[in-house]
Amino acid sequence: MNRIFLFLLMLTFFADPIKSQPLQTVEFVDPEKYCGKWYEIASYPTRFQKGCRCTTAEYEFITSGGYFRVINRCIRFKSGKSKISSIKGKAFVVKNSGNAKLKVRFFWPFLGDYYITALAEDYSWAVVGHPKRNYLWILSRESFMPTDTYIDILRIVSARGYDPKLLQKTPQNCDGE
């Protein structure tokens, strides 16, 4: 019994207090301003994006349905040849979230959480994550992000409970390996 109590006490002592907090999102996202093409600058590595470069996401807001149409694309190079990979999905706005929380579906019936946790005032960059902090994307309207901006964003993601060391920059050189 004492060992269990000691173990639980150690867990609470060593638990990351930021990660145990709900993931903070921006207060409001204007769907029309969020629409358009975004370039992935960096992300946590994922199985479904393995080998991708030149990764982009395009959003179109479907007003009549209250959701975003999403097209994710990347280029994969293998044996000196390139292949474009793409997937289409829908992102449904979570009620009372200021449009900052979405449920994304690429394969029916599965939905994934997509939280806009930071957003430039001019919509030039965005940080998107998952409430469990196991996914993270840094997006930009341009394929290149200034170093100062990137460093500022790393501070933001760290304050949100993400480990910036896990981020991998996404190559945006689309000409070859």
Protein backbone atom coordinates (compact mmCIF):
# COMPACT_ATOMS: atom_id res chain seq x y z
CA MET A 1 0.00 0.00 0.00
CA ASN A 2 2.82 2.42 0.87
CA ARG A 3 4.55 1.65 -2.43
CA ILE A 4 1.41 2.52 -4.41
CA PHE A 5 1.00 5.77 -2.50
CA LEU A 6 4.68 6.62 -3.06
CA PHE A 7 4.37 5.82 -6.77
CA LEU A 8 1.28 8.05 -7.16
CA LEU A 9 3.00 10.83 -5.24
CA MET A 10 6.02 10.61 -7.53
CA LEU A 11 3.79 10.71 -10.60
CA THR A 12 2.16 13.93 -9.47
CA PHE A 13 5.52 15.41 -8.51
CA PHE A 14 7.11 14.66 -11.87
CA ALA A 15 4.03 15.34 -14.01
CA ASP A 16 4.34 18.30 -16.33
CA PRO A 17 1.84 20.85 -15.01
CA ILE A 18 1.49 22.53 -18.42
CA LYS A 19 0.70 19.28 -20.24
CA SER A 20 -1.95 18.42 -17.70
CA GLN A 21 -3.77 21.69 -18.46
CA PRO A 22 -6.34 21.86 -21.29
CA LEU A 23 -4.70 23.02 -24.52
CA GLN A 24 -5.20 26.77 -24.94
CA THR A 25 -6.59 27.89 -28.29
CA VAL A 26 -6.99 31.31 -29.84
CA GLU A 27 -10.21 33.12 -28.96
CA PHE A 28 -11.56 33.45 -32.50
CA VAL A 29 -10.71 32.35 -36.02
CA ASP A 30 -12.31 34.08 -39.00
CA PRO A 31 -13.07 31.17 -41.36
CA GLU A 32 -12.75 33.33 -44.49
CA LYS A 33 -9.31 34.62 -43.43
CA TYR A 34 -8.16 31.12 -42.50
CA CYS A 35 -9.06 29.79 -45.94
CA GLY A 36 -6.45 29.38 -48.62
CA LYS A 37 -3.11 27.67 -48.88
CA TRP A 38 -0.81 27.00 -45.93
CA TYR A 39 2.74 25.64 -46.07
CA GLU A 40 3.94 23.28 -43.37
CA ILE A 41 7.10 24.77 -41.86
CA ALA A 42 7.62 22.15 -39.14
CA SER A 43 5.71 19.38 -37.43
CA TYR A 44 5.95 16.50 -35.02
CA PRO A 45 6.78 13.45 -37.15
CA THR A 46 3.76 11.32 -37.99
CA ARG A 47 3.40 7.94 -39.65
CA PHE A 48 1.03 9.32 -42.28
CA GLN A 49 3.47 12.06 -43.38
CA LYS A 50 6.59 9.92 -43.52
CA GLY A 51 8.83 10.92 -46.43
CA CYS A 52 6.83 14.04 -47.23
CA ARG A 53 8.29 17.35 -48.32
CA CYS A 54 6.65 20.43 -49.82
CA THR A 55 3.66 19.75 -47.58
CA THR A 56 0.68 22.07 -47.94
CA ALA A 57 -2.88 22.29 -46.69
CA GLU A 58 -5.68 24.14 -48.47
CA TYR A 59 -8.87 25.17 -46.73
CA GLU A 60 -12.16 26.27 -48.23
CA PHE A 61 -15.02 27.24 -45.93
CA ILE A 62 -18.38 25.83 -47.00
CA THR A 63 -20.76 28.37 -45.49
CA SER A 64 -23.93 26.37 -46.15
CA GLY A 65 -22.52 23.37 -44.26
CA GLY A 66 -20.48 25.25 -41.65
CA TYR A 67 -17.34 23.20 -42.31
CA PHE A 68 -13.99 23.47 -44.07
CA ARG A 69 -13.07 21.41 -47.10
CA VAL A 70 -9.43 20.38 -46.62
CA ILE A 71 -6.87 19.14 -49.12
CA ASN A 72 -3.46 18.08 -47.76
CA ARG A 73 -0.68 17.52 -50.29
CA CYS A 74 2.97 16.59 -50.22
CA ILE A 75 5.65 15.29 -52.54
CA ARG A 76 7.40 12.01 -51.82
CA PHE A 77 10.66 11.19 -53.57
CA LYS A 78 11.65 7.60 -54.14
CA SER A 79 14.42 6.32 -56.42
CA GLY A 80 14.85 9.79 -57.91
CA LYS A 81 11.18 10.09 -58.89
CA SER A 82 8.59 12.29 -57.28
CA LYS A 83 5.01 11.42 -56.52
CA ILE A 84 2.33 13.80 -55.28
CA SER A 85 0.32 12.44 -52.39
CA SER A 86 -2.93 14.09 -51.43
CA ILE A 87 -5.90 13.49 -49.22
CA LYS A 88 -9.23 15.30 -48.98
CA GLY A 89 -11.17 15.80 -45.80
CA LYS A 90 -13.65 17.91 -43.90
CA ALA A 91 -13.08 19.94 -40.76
CA PHE A 92 -16.16 20.58 -38.64
CA VAL A 93 -16.23 23.56 -36.28
CA VAL A 94 -16.76 22.67 -32.60
CA LYS A 95 -19.63 24.75 -31.19
CA ASN A 96 -18.73 27.62 -28.86
CA SER A 97 -15.02 27.36 -29.72
CA GLY A 98 -14.72 30.62 -31.67
CA ASN A 99 -13.91 28.41 -34.67
CA ALA A 100 -10.55 27.54 -33.04
CA LYS A 101 -11.41 23.89 -32.39
CA LEU A 102 -12.18 21.62 -35.30
CA LYS A 103 -12.96 17.95 -35.75
CA VAL A 104 -11.20 16.75 -38.90
CA ARG A 105 -12.28 13.71 -40.88
CA PHE A 106 -10.17 12.18 -43.64
CA PHE A 107 -11.60 8.66 -43.29
CA TRP A 108 -15.21 8.09 -42.31
CA PRO A 109 -16.18 7.65 -39.48
CA PHE A 110 -12.94 8.73 -37.75
CA LEU A 111 -12.60 12.30 -36.44
CA GLY A 112 -9.44 13.93 -35.12
CA ASP A 113 -9.02 17.01 -32.96
CA TYR A 114 -7.47 20.04 -34.67
CA TYR A 115 -6.91 22.98 -32.32
CA ILE A 116 -5.65 26.34 -33.56
CA THR A 117 -3.51 27.22 -30.59
CA ALA A 118 -1.74 30.30 -31.99
CA LEU A 119 -2.44 32.53 -34.96
CA ALA A 120 -0.77 35.64 -36.32
CA GLU A 121 -3.00 38.68 -36.26
CA ASP A 122 -2.65 38.97 -40.05
CA TYR A 123 -3.15 35.19 -40.55
CA SER A 124 0.40 34.85 -41.93
CA TRP A 125 1.17 31.86 -39.68
CA ALA A 126 -0.68 29.42 -37.45
CA VAL A 127 0.10 26.75 -34.90
CA VAL A 128 -2.16 23.72 -34.90
CA GLY A 129 -2.13 20.96 -32.36
CA HIS A 130 -3.96 18.18 -30.61
CA PRO A 131 -5.27 18.45 -27.02
CA LYS A 132 -3.09 15.52 -25.93
CA ARG A 133 -0.09 17.35 -27.45
CA ASN A 134 0.95 14.37 -29.57
CA TYR A 135 0.53 16.27 -32.86
CA LEU A 136 1.83 19.72 -33.76
CA TRP A 137 2.12 21.70 -36.98
CA ILE A 138 3.57 25.13 -37.68
CA LEU A 139 1.98 26.59 -40.80
CA SER A 140 2.76 29.66 -42.87
CA ARG A 141 1.26 31.42 -45.88
CA GLU A 142 4.74 31.41 -47.42
CA SER A 143 7.00 28.39 -47.98
CA PHE A 144 9.73 30.12 -45.96
CA MET A 145 9.46 31.52 -42.45
CA PRO A 146 11.88 34.12 -41.06
CA THR A 147 14.06 32.74 -38.25
CA ASP A 148 12.87 35.40 -35.76
CA THR A 149 9.24 34.41 -36.35
CA TYR A 150 10.06 30.71 -36.00
CA ILE A 151 11.90 31.30 -32.71
CA ASP A 152 8.94 33.31 -31.37
CA ILE A 153 6.61 30.45 -32.31
CA LEU A 154 8.87 27.93 -30.55
CA ARG A 155 8.42 29.96 -27.36
CA ILE A 156 4.64 29.85 -27.83
CA VAL A 157 4.52 26.09 -28.38
CA SER A 158 6.72 25.53 -25.35
CA ALA A 159 4.36 27.66 -23.23
CA ARG A 160 1.47 25.50 -24.53
CA GLY A 161 3.16 22.35 -23.19
CA TYR A 162 4.76 21.07 -26.39
CA ASP A 163 8.38 19.99 -26.64
CA PRO A 164 9.95 22.12 -29.42
CA LYS A 165 12.83 19.63 -29.67
CA LEU A 166 10.44 17.10 -31.24
CA LEU A 167 9.65 19.41 -34.16
CA GLN A 168 11.15 18.57 -37.52
CA LYS A 169 11.40 21.24 -40.19
CA THR A 170 9.54 20.33 -43.37
CA PRO A 171 11.66 20.65 -46.51
CA GLN A 172 9.97 23.01 -48.93
CA ASN A 173 12.54 22.45 -51.71
CA CYS A 174 10.32 20.71 -54.22
CA ASP A 175 12.92 20.12 -56.95
CA GLY A 176 14.29 16.83 -55.73
CA GLU A 177 16.05 14.94 -53.01
